[in-house]
């Protein structure tokens, strides 16, 4: 039994030693695997592929600061023509779309009754004028008193006024244009009998056309009469029309905190129509040969603007100070030079020091050309 027991003990002891050695080997192997995985990650990180980007260089060109707003286009003068006397419409001499001048006859009414009244007043006036001339001779000879003579004189003056009033009423049977413009609407029809003060025509002046902008009071110091402006109308395929700041109200509306600006625009082609809706840009400042970059290149970081500058295949995050902005470009006041190469496409995946591969470059002349036809706004 002792011999047998000794063998059993040795066998058990050997088995435990083998087990411990096996566990140690496994732990060492696992540790080596962990170190190998980390080293592999570091190697992979150091060998990360370059990020494809598109770059551009800053351009120089004039950039304008503008205040932009929207407002309907209106006629500067728009008159409703009314009939000053009643009567039957005998003749219509102007139709919708016709150009008319101030004082031009647009329609005629039946004036038979008014004509007879005027002729009657004229006959009575002629009779009294003859009587007055005879009384002048009698007064000079002292055959009539001064009171009787003055009475006849007053009667003649009153009859003259009656005649003039009848002639004026007769002239109102000719409906005339009150302003220069175009007939925008006709309310009467031939043969109709209309009353006094009935609407007959609508005459609209198309030269000039105006828009009224209500601008926040903080912009008051920037805007002045005579500044250049432009109006873009979507209904005319974004056609741009030159305009001018004609007048600026000297007061601010306390209820809205705005002041009114009158914009005048002249359109000889008559494509602009009252009632159209326009986008208005007022130029209040221009900077010549300003350094500009595409707006898409800027990456906002809090309240600061940054761009990525490519140097030797890597990017550097650069803080910049911006100024005026246009439709496609933005002015750079500080932080960049003309020779810097900046990322304009693909910068969302970059960080400071990232490796990049430039796959495309935008030309500066195209950026400058885009700026010349853009609609800038102030930041």
Protein backbone atom coordinates (compact mmCIF):
# COMPACT_ATOMS: atom_id res chain seq x y z
CA UNK A 1 0.00 0.00 0.00
CA UNK A 2 2.80 2.48 0.70
CA UNK A 3 4.39 1.85 -2.62
CA UNK A 4 1.03 2.18 -4.34
CA UNK A 5 0.19 5.31 -2.38
CA UNK A 6 3.50 6.93 -3.28
CA UNK A 7 2.90 6.40 -6.96
CA UNK A 8 -0.55 7.84 -6.70
CA UNK A 9 0.82 10.97 -4.96
CA UNK A 10 3.47 11.48 -7.61
CA UNK A 11 0.86 11.06 -10.36
CA UNK A 12 -1.44 13.62 -8.75
CA UNK A 13 1.41 16.04 -8.16
CA UNK A 14 2.50 15.81 -11.76
CA UNK A 15 -1.00 16.43 -12.98
CA UNK A 16 -1.33 19.63 -10.92
CA UNK A 17 2.06 20.90 -12.13
CA UNK A 18 1.04 20.31 -15.71
CA UNK A 19 -2.20 22.12 -15.20
CA UNK A 20 -0.47 25.17 -13.71
CA UNK A 21 2.06 25.24 -16.53
CA UNK A 22 -0.71 25.03 -19.07
CA UNK A 23 -2.59 27.93 -17.49
CA UNK A 24 0.59 30.03 -17.42
CA UNK A 25 1.19 29.29 -21.09
CA UNK A 26 -2.33 30.36 -22.00
CA UNK A 27 -1.98 33.61 -20.05
CA UNK A 28 1.31 34.42 -21.76
CA UNK A 29 -0.23 33.70 -25.13
CA UNK A 30 -3.20 35.93 -24.41
CA UNK A 31 -0.94 38.72 -23.26
CA UNK A 32 1.10 38.41 -26.42
CA UNK A 33 -2.08 38.52 -28.48
CA UNK A 34 -3.20 41.67 -26.69
CA UNK A 35 0.15 43.34 -27.32
CA UNK A 36 0.09 42.24 -30.90
CA UNK A 37 -3.43 43.64 -31.39
CA UNK A 38 -2.45 46.99 -29.93
CA UNK A 39 0.71 47.18 -31.96
CA UNK A 40 -1.32 46.31 -35.04
CA UNK A 41 -3.78 49.10 -34.32
CA UNK A 42 -0.96 51.58 -33.87
CA UNK A 43 0.61 50.44 -37.13
CA UNK A 44 -2.74 50.69 -38.88
CA UNK A 45 -3.28 54.17 -37.45
CA UNK A 46 0.12 55.32 -38.60
CA UNK A 47 -0.55 53.91 -42.08
CA UNK A 48 -4.10 55.40 -42.41
CA UNK A 49 -4.93 56.32 -46.05
CA UNK A 50 -5.07 59.97 -47.08
CA UNK A 51 -8.53 61.56 -47.20
CA UNK A 52 -9.53 62.77 -50.68
CA UNK A 53 -10.39 66.49 -50.76
CA UNK A 54 -10.93 69.28 -53.26
CA UNK A 55 -9.06 72.55 -52.76
CA UNK A 56 -9.02 76.14 -54.00
CA UNK A 57 -6.95 79.25 -53.54
CA UNK A 58 -8.39 82.57 -52.36
CA UNK A 59 -9.40 85.06 -55.03
CA UNK A 60 -9.56 88.83 -55.06
CA UNK A 61 -12.36 91.01 -56.34
CA UNK A 62 -14.82 93.72 -55.38
CA UNK A 63 -17.42 92.68 -52.83
CA UNK A 64 -20.52 94.65 -51.89
CA UNK A 65 -22.43 94.85 -48.66
CA UNK A 66 -26.18 94.87 -49.14
CA UNK A 67 -29.37 95.07 -47.17
CA UNK A 68 -31.89 92.63 -48.63
CA UNK A 69 -35.63 92.51 -48.25
CA UNK A 70 -38.83 91.60 -50.06
CA UNK A 71 -41.76 93.79 -51.04
CA UNK A 72 -44.48 93.99 -53.69
CA UNK A 73 -44.05 96.31 -56.66
CA UNK A 74 -46.57 99.13 -56.81
CA UNK A 75 -47.50 101.95 -59.14
CA UNK A 76 -46.31 105.37 -58.01
CA UNK A 77 -49.58 106.90 -59.30
CA UNK A 78 -52.88 105.04 -59.66
CA UNK A 79 -56.12 106.92 -60.28
CA UNK A 80 -59.75 105.86 -60.35
CA UNK A 81 -61.55 107.96 -62.97
CA UNK A 82 -65.10 108.81 -61.95
CA UNK A 83 -67.96 110.41 -63.81
CA UNK A 84 -68.54 113.94 -62.48
CA UNK A 85 -72.03 114.04 -64.03
CA UNK A 86 -74.56 111.36 -64.85
CA UNK A 87 -75.74 110.40 -68.29
CA UNK A 88 -75.79 107.85 -71.06
CA UNK A 89 -72.44 106.65 -72.40
CA UNK A 90 -72.37 107.65 -76.06
CA UNK A 91 -68.73 106.95 -76.94
CA UNK A 92 -65.75 105.04 -75.48
CA UNK A 93 -62.36 106.24 -76.71
CA UNK A 94 -59.94 104.22 -74.53
CA UNK A 95 -59.62 100.53 -73.84
CA UNK A 96 -57.68 98.48 -71.29
CA UNK A 97 -53.98 98.48 -72.17
CA UNK A 98 -54.10 101.82 -74.01
CA UNK A 99 -51.64 104.57 -73.11
CA UNK A 100 -53.34 107.83 -72.17
CA UNK A 101 -52.07 111.32 -71.39
CA UNK A 102 -53.33 113.68 -68.77
CA UNK A 103 -56.42 115.49 -70.08
CA UNK A 104 -57.06 112.99 -72.89
CA UNK A 105 -60.76 112.24 -73.54
CA UNK A 106 -61.53 108.62 -72.64
CA UNK A 107 -65.35 108.59 -73.02
CA UNK A 108 -68.28 110.90 -73.80
CA UNK A 109 -71.67 111.06 -72.11
CA UNK A 110 -75.01 112.34 -73.30
CA UNK A 111 -74.89 116.13 -72.66
CA UNK A 112 -78.03 117.39 -74.41
CA UNK A 113 -79.72 118.70 -71.25
CA UNK A 114 -76.57 120.36 -69.95
CA UNK A 115 -75.94 121.91 -73.37
CA UNK A 116 -79.41 123.47 -73.42
CA UNK A 117 -78.95 124.82 -69.90
CA UNK A 118 -75.68 126.42 -70.94
CA UNK A 119 -77.27 127.96 -74.05
CA UNK A 120 -80.08 129.35 -71.95
CA UNK A 121 -77.64 130.90 -69.49
CA UNK A 122 -75.63 132.30 -72.40
CA UNK A 123 -78.72 133.94 -73.94
CA UNK A 124 -79.73 135.54 -70.64
CA UNK A 125 -76.18 136.76 -70.15
CA UNK A 126 -76.07 138.42 -73.60
CA UNK A 127 -79.37 140.18 -72.93
CA UNK A 128 -78.16 141.53 -69.60
CA UNK A 129 -74.85 142.62 -71.11
CA UNK A 130 -76.72 144.76 -73.66
CA UNK A 131 -78.84 146.28 -70.89
CA UNK A 132 -75.68 146.99 -68.92
CA UNK A 133 -74.10 148.88 -71.82
CA UNK A 134 -77.19 151.13 -72.13
CA UNK A 135 -77.13 151.83 -68.41
CA UNK A 136 -73.48 152.83 -68.66
CA UNK A 137 -74.48 155.62 -71.07
CA UNK A 138 -77.37 156.67 -68.84
CA UNK A 139 -75.09 156.75 -65.79
CA UNK A 140 -72.61 158.97 -67.59
CA UNK A 141 -75.45 161.39 -68.42
CA UNK A 142 -76.71 161.24 -64.84
CA UNK A 143 -80.04 159.69 -65.83
CA UNK A 144 -79.71 156.64 -63.53
CA UNK A 145 -78.79 156.40 -59.89
CA UNK A 146 -75.59 154.74 -58.76
CA UNK A 147 -77.58 152.13 -56.77
CA UNK A 148 -79.62 151.01 -59.80
CA UNK A 149 -76.48 150.82 -61.88
CA UNK A 150 -74.68 148.64 -59.31
CA UNK A 151 -77.72 146.35 -59.08
CA UNK A 152 -77.61 145.70 -62.82
CA UNK A 153 -73.85 145.11 -62.61
CA UNK A 154 -74.23 142.50 -59.83
CA UNK A 155 -76.99 140.72 -61.76
CA UNK A 156 -74.75 140.51 -64.80
CA UNK A 157 -71.87 139.06 -62.75
CA UNK A 158 -74.22 136.47 -61.19
CA UNK A 159 -75.53 135.46 -64.61
CA UNK A 160 -71.94 135.18 -65.85
CA UNK A 161 -71.20 132.73 -63.04
CA UNK A 162 -74.34 130.74 -63.89
CA UNK A 163 -73.21 130.52 -67.50
CA UNK A 164 -69.71 129.41 -66.51
CA UNK A 165 -71.12 126.74 -64.20
CA UNK A 166 -73.35 125.39 -66.97
CA UNK A 167 -70.35 125.28 -69.32
CA UNK A 168 -68.32 123.42 -66.68
CA UNK A 169 -71.08 120.86 -66.17
CA UNK A 170 -71.21 120.31 -69.92
CA UNK A 171 -67.45 119.76 -70.08
CA UNK A 172 -67.80 116.99 -67.51
CA UNK A 173 -69.65 114.90 -70.11
CA UNK A 174 -66.18 114.29 -71.54
CA UNK A 175 -64.43 111.86 -69.18
CA UNK A 176 -60.71 112.69 -69.22
CA UNK A 177 -57.56 110.98 -67.91
CA UNK A 178 -56.31 112.63 -64.70
CA UNK A 179 -52.70 111.37 -65.08
CA UNK A 180 -50.33 109.95 -67.68
CA UNK A 181 -50.43 106.18 -67.66
CA UNK A 182 -52.08 103.08 -69.02
CA UNK A 183 -55.74 102.05 -68.78
CA UNK A 184 -55.62 99.15 -66.35
CA UNK A 185 -59.40 98.63 -66.08
CA UNK A 186 -62.62 99.84 -67.76
CA UNK A 187 -65.81 99.78 -65.68
CA UNK A 188 -68.33 101.24 -68.16
CA UNK A 189 -70.01 99.88 -71.27
CA UNK A 190 -71.35 101.66 -74.31
CA UNK A 191 -75.02 102.57 -73.95
CA UNK A 192 -75.11 102.29 -70.16
CA UNK A 193 -76.49 105.13 -68.09
CA UNK A 194 -74.27 105.94 -65.14
CA UNK A 195 -74.77 108.15 -62.14
CA UNK A 196 -72.61 110.96 -60.87
CA UNK A 197 -69.46 109.69 -59.07
CA UNK A 198 -69.69 106.27 -60.73
CA UNK A 199 -66.36 104.58 -61.57
CA UNK A 200 -65.47 104.70 -65.25
CA UNK A 201 -61.77 103.75 -65.66
CA UNK A 202 -58.64 102.88 -63.70
CA UNK A 203 -55.47 104.58 -64.95
CA UNK A 204 -52.10 103.30 -63.68
CA UNK A 205 -48.76 105.00 -64.13
CA UNK A 206 -45.94 102.55 -64.89
CA UNK A 207 -43.14 105.11 -64.77
CA UNK A 208 -41.72 104.86 -62.23
CA UNK A 209 -42.71 101.81 -60.26
CA UNK A 210 -42.03 101.76 -56.53
CA UNK A 211 -41.58 99.35 -53.66
CA UNK A 212 -41.82 100.20 -50.00
CA UNK A 213 -39.41 98.45 -47.64
CA UNK A 214 -39.87 98.57 -43.88
CA UNK A 215 -36.33 98.28 -42.51
CA UNK A 216 -35.24 97.65 -38.88
CA UNK A 217 -34.00 100.78 -37.14
CA UNK A 218 -30.50 99.29 -36.65
CA UNK A 219 -29.95 99.74 -40.41
CA UNK A 220 -30.84 103.45 -40.34
CA UNK A 221 -27.24 104.72 -40.33
CA UNK A 222 -26.26 102.56 -43.31
CA UNK A 223 -28.92 103.63 -45.80
CA UNK A 224 -29.19 106.97 -47.61
CA UNK A 225 -31.23 108.39 -50.51
CA UNK A 226 -29.52 107.92 -53.85
CA UNK A 227 -27.93 104.56 -53.04
CA UNK A 228 -28.06 101.99 -55.83
CA UNK A 229 -30.37 99.02 -55.53
CA UNK A 230 -31.73 96.18 -57.62
CA UNK A 231 -34.95 94.22 -57.80
CA UNK A 232 -35.14 90.54 -58.74
CA UNK A 233 -38.54 89.13 -59.73
CA UNK A 234 -39.06 85.37 -59.62
CA UNK A 235 -41.98 85.61 -62.05
CA UNK A 236 -39.59 86.94 -64.71
CA UNK A 237 -37.05 84.13 -64.31
CA UNK A 238 -34.98 86.02 -61.73
CA UNK A 239 -34.41 89.00 -64.03
CA UNK A 240 -32.58 91.81 -62.24
CA UNK A 241 -33.70 95.45 -62.64
CA UNK A 242 -31.67 98.49 -61.60
CA UNK A 243 -33.32 100.65 -58.95
CA UNK A 244 -32.57 103.57 -56.63
CA UNK A 245 -33.34 104.53 -53.05
CA UNK A 246 -35.63 107.52 -53.69
CA UNK A 247 -36.74 108.50 -50.20
CA UNK A 248 -36.19 107.48 -46.58
CA UNK A 249 -38.70 108.27 -43.90
CA UNK A 250 -37.17 110.49 -41.18
CA UNK A 251 -39.11 108.75 -38.40
CA UNK A 252 -39.16 105.25 -36.94
CA UNK A 253 -42.44 103.52 -36.26
CA UNK A 254 -42.45 102.92 -32.51
CA UNK A 255 -44.87 99.99 -32.81
CA UNK A 256 -42.74 97.97 -35.27
CA UNK A 257 -39.27 99.47 -34.80
CA UNK A 258 -38.93 100.01 -38.55
CA UNK A 259 -38.66 102.93 -40.96
CA UNK A 260 -39.94 103.13 -44.52
CA UNK A 261 -37.72 103.26 -47.60
CA UNK A 262 -39.09 104.05 -51.05
CA UNK A 263 -37.38 102.22 -53.92
CA UNK A 264 -37.94 103.49 -57.46
CA UNK A 265 -37.37 101.31 -60.52
CA UNK A 266 -37.71 102.23 -64.17
CA UNK A 267 -38.55 99.57 -66.75
CA UNK A 268 -38.86 100.79 -70.33
CA UNK A 269 -39.66 97.24 -71.47
CA UNK A 270 -42.73 97.14 -69.20
CA UNK A 271 -42.05 93.61 -68.07
CA UNK A 272 -42.45 94.69 -64.47
CA UNK A 273 -46.09 94.89 -63.44
CA UNK A 274 -47.67 96.37 -60.31
CA UNK A 275 -48.49 93.56 -57.92
CA UNK A 276 -45.42 91.45 -58.70
CA UNK A 277 -43.30 90.38 -55.72
CA UNK A 278 -39.65 91.36 -55.78
CA UNK A 279 -36.46 90.68 -53.80
CA UNK A 280 -34.67 93.97 -53.21
CA UNK A 281 -30.95 94.49 -52.57
CA UNK A 282 -29.61 97.88 -51.49
CA UNK A 283 -25.84 98.40 -51.80
CA UNK A 284 -24.51 100.43 -48.88
CA UNK A 285 -20.76 99.62 -49.03
CA UNK A 286 -18.19 98.27 -51.50
CA UNK A 287 -14.70 96.92 -50.79
CA UNK A 288 -12.32 96.76 -53.73
CA UNK A 289 -10.04 93.76 -54.34
CA UNK A 290 -11.10 91.98 -51.18
CA UNK A 291 -9.62 88.53 -50.40
CA UNK A 292 -12.40 85.96 -50.80
CA UNK A 293 -12.92 82.24 -50.43
CA UNK A 294 -15.87 79.95 -51.17
CA UNK A 295 -18.42 79.93 -48.39
CA UNK A 296 -18.36 76.11 -48.43
CA UNK A 297 -14.75 76.10 -47.19
CA UNK A 298 -15.64 77.51 -43.78
CA UNK A 299 -16.14 75.20 -40.81
CA UNK A 300 -17.82 76.90 -37.86
CA UNK A 301 -16.35 76.17 -34.46
CA UNK A 302 -18.48 77.85 -31.87
CA UNK A 303 -18.54 81.54 -32.67
CA UNK A 304 -15.31 81.33 -34.68
CA UNK A 305 -14.80 80.49 -38.34
CA UNK A 306 -12.05 78.09 -39.40
CA UNK A 307 -10.69 76.61 -42.61
CA UNK A 308 -8.31 73.74 -43.35
CA UNK A 309 -5.10 74.77 -45.13
CA UNK A 310 -3.18 72.08 -47.03
CA UNK A 311 0.59 71.97 -46.46
CA UNK A 312 2.82 69.07 -47.60
CA UNK A 313 -0.05 66.60 -47.81
CA UNK A 314 -1.47 67.46 -44.39
CA UNK A 315 -4.08 69.95 -43.21
CA UNK A 316 -3.83 72.67 -40.61
CA UNK A 317 -6.90 74.14 -38.95
CA UNK A 318 -6.70 77.93 -39.36
CA UNK A 319 -8.88 80.47 -37.55
CA UNK A 320 -9.96 83.36 -39.79
CA UNK A 321 -11.80 86.67 -39.45
CA UNK A 322 -14.57 87.13 -42.00
CA UNK A 323 -16.30 90.21 -43.42
CA UNK A 324 -18.93 90.66 -46.12
CA UNK A 325 -20.51 87.62 -47.76
CA UNK A 326 -21.84 87.12 -51.26
CA UNK A 327 -23.90 84.36 -52.84
CA UNK A 328 -20.90 82.07 -53.21
CA UNK A 329 -17.96 83.80 -51.54
CA UNK A 330 -17.06 85.33 -48.22
CA UNK A 331 -14.49 88.00 -47.47
CA UNK A 332 -11.47 87.07 -45.33
CA UNK A 333 -10.12 89.99 -43.33
CA UNK A 334 -7.41 88.13 -41.42
CA UNK A 335 -5.95 84.61 -41.19
CA UNK A 336 -5.25 83.74 -44.85
CA UNK A 337 -2.95 84.84 -47.66
CA UNK A 338 -3.38 84.70 -51.42
CA UNK A 339 -1.13 81.64 -51.74
CA UNK A 340 -2.83 79.43 -49.16
CA UNK A 341 -4.49 76.28 -50.48
CA UNK A 342 -7.73 75.63 -48.64
CA UNK A 343 -10.07 72.64 -48.59
CA UNK A 344 -13.47 73.37 -50.12
CA UNK A 345 -14.88 69.83 -50.38
CA UNK A 346 -14.38 67.00 -47.87
CA UNK A 347 -13.45 69.09 -44.82
CA UNK A 348 -16.19 67.62 -42.65
CA UNK A 349 -14.09 64.49 -41.99
CA UNK A 350 -10.82 66.32 -41.28
CA UNK A 351 -9.01 67.22 -38.12
CA UNK A 352 -5.82 69.11 -37.49
CA UNK A 353 -2.92 67.11 -38.97
CA UNK A 354 -4.98 64.76 -41.14
CA UNK A 355 -3.34 63.46 -44.29
CA UNK A 356 -5.16 64.43 -47.46
CA UNK A 357 -5.05 63.66 -51.15
CA UNK A 358 -6.02 66.52 -53.44
CA UNK A 359 -8.26 65.18 -56.20
CA UNK A 360 -9.48 68.47 -57.63
CA UNK A 361 -8.73 72.18 -57.57
CA UNK A 362 -11.11 75.09 -58.20
CA UNK A 363 -9.74 78.01 -60.20
CA UNK A 364 -9.72 81.45 -58.63
CA UNK A 365 -10.91 83.29 -61.79
CA UNK A 366 -14.18 81.36 -61.68
CA UNK A 367 -14.70 82.39 -58.09
CA UNK A 368 -14.07 86.01 -58.94
CA UNK A 369 -16.48 85.83 -61.88
CA UNK A 370 -19.12 84.31 -59.64
CA UNK A 371 -18.69 87.17 -57.19
CA UNK A 372 -19.28 89.81 -59.84
CA UNK A 373 -22.75 88.47 -60.56
CA UNK A 374 -23.73 87.53 -57.03
CA UNK A 375 -26.05 89.22 -54.58
CA UNK A 376 -23.92 89.91 -51.47
CA UNK A 377 -25.20 90.43 -48.00
CA UNK A 378 -23.60 91.79 -44.88
CA UNK A 379 -22.85 89.37 -42.10
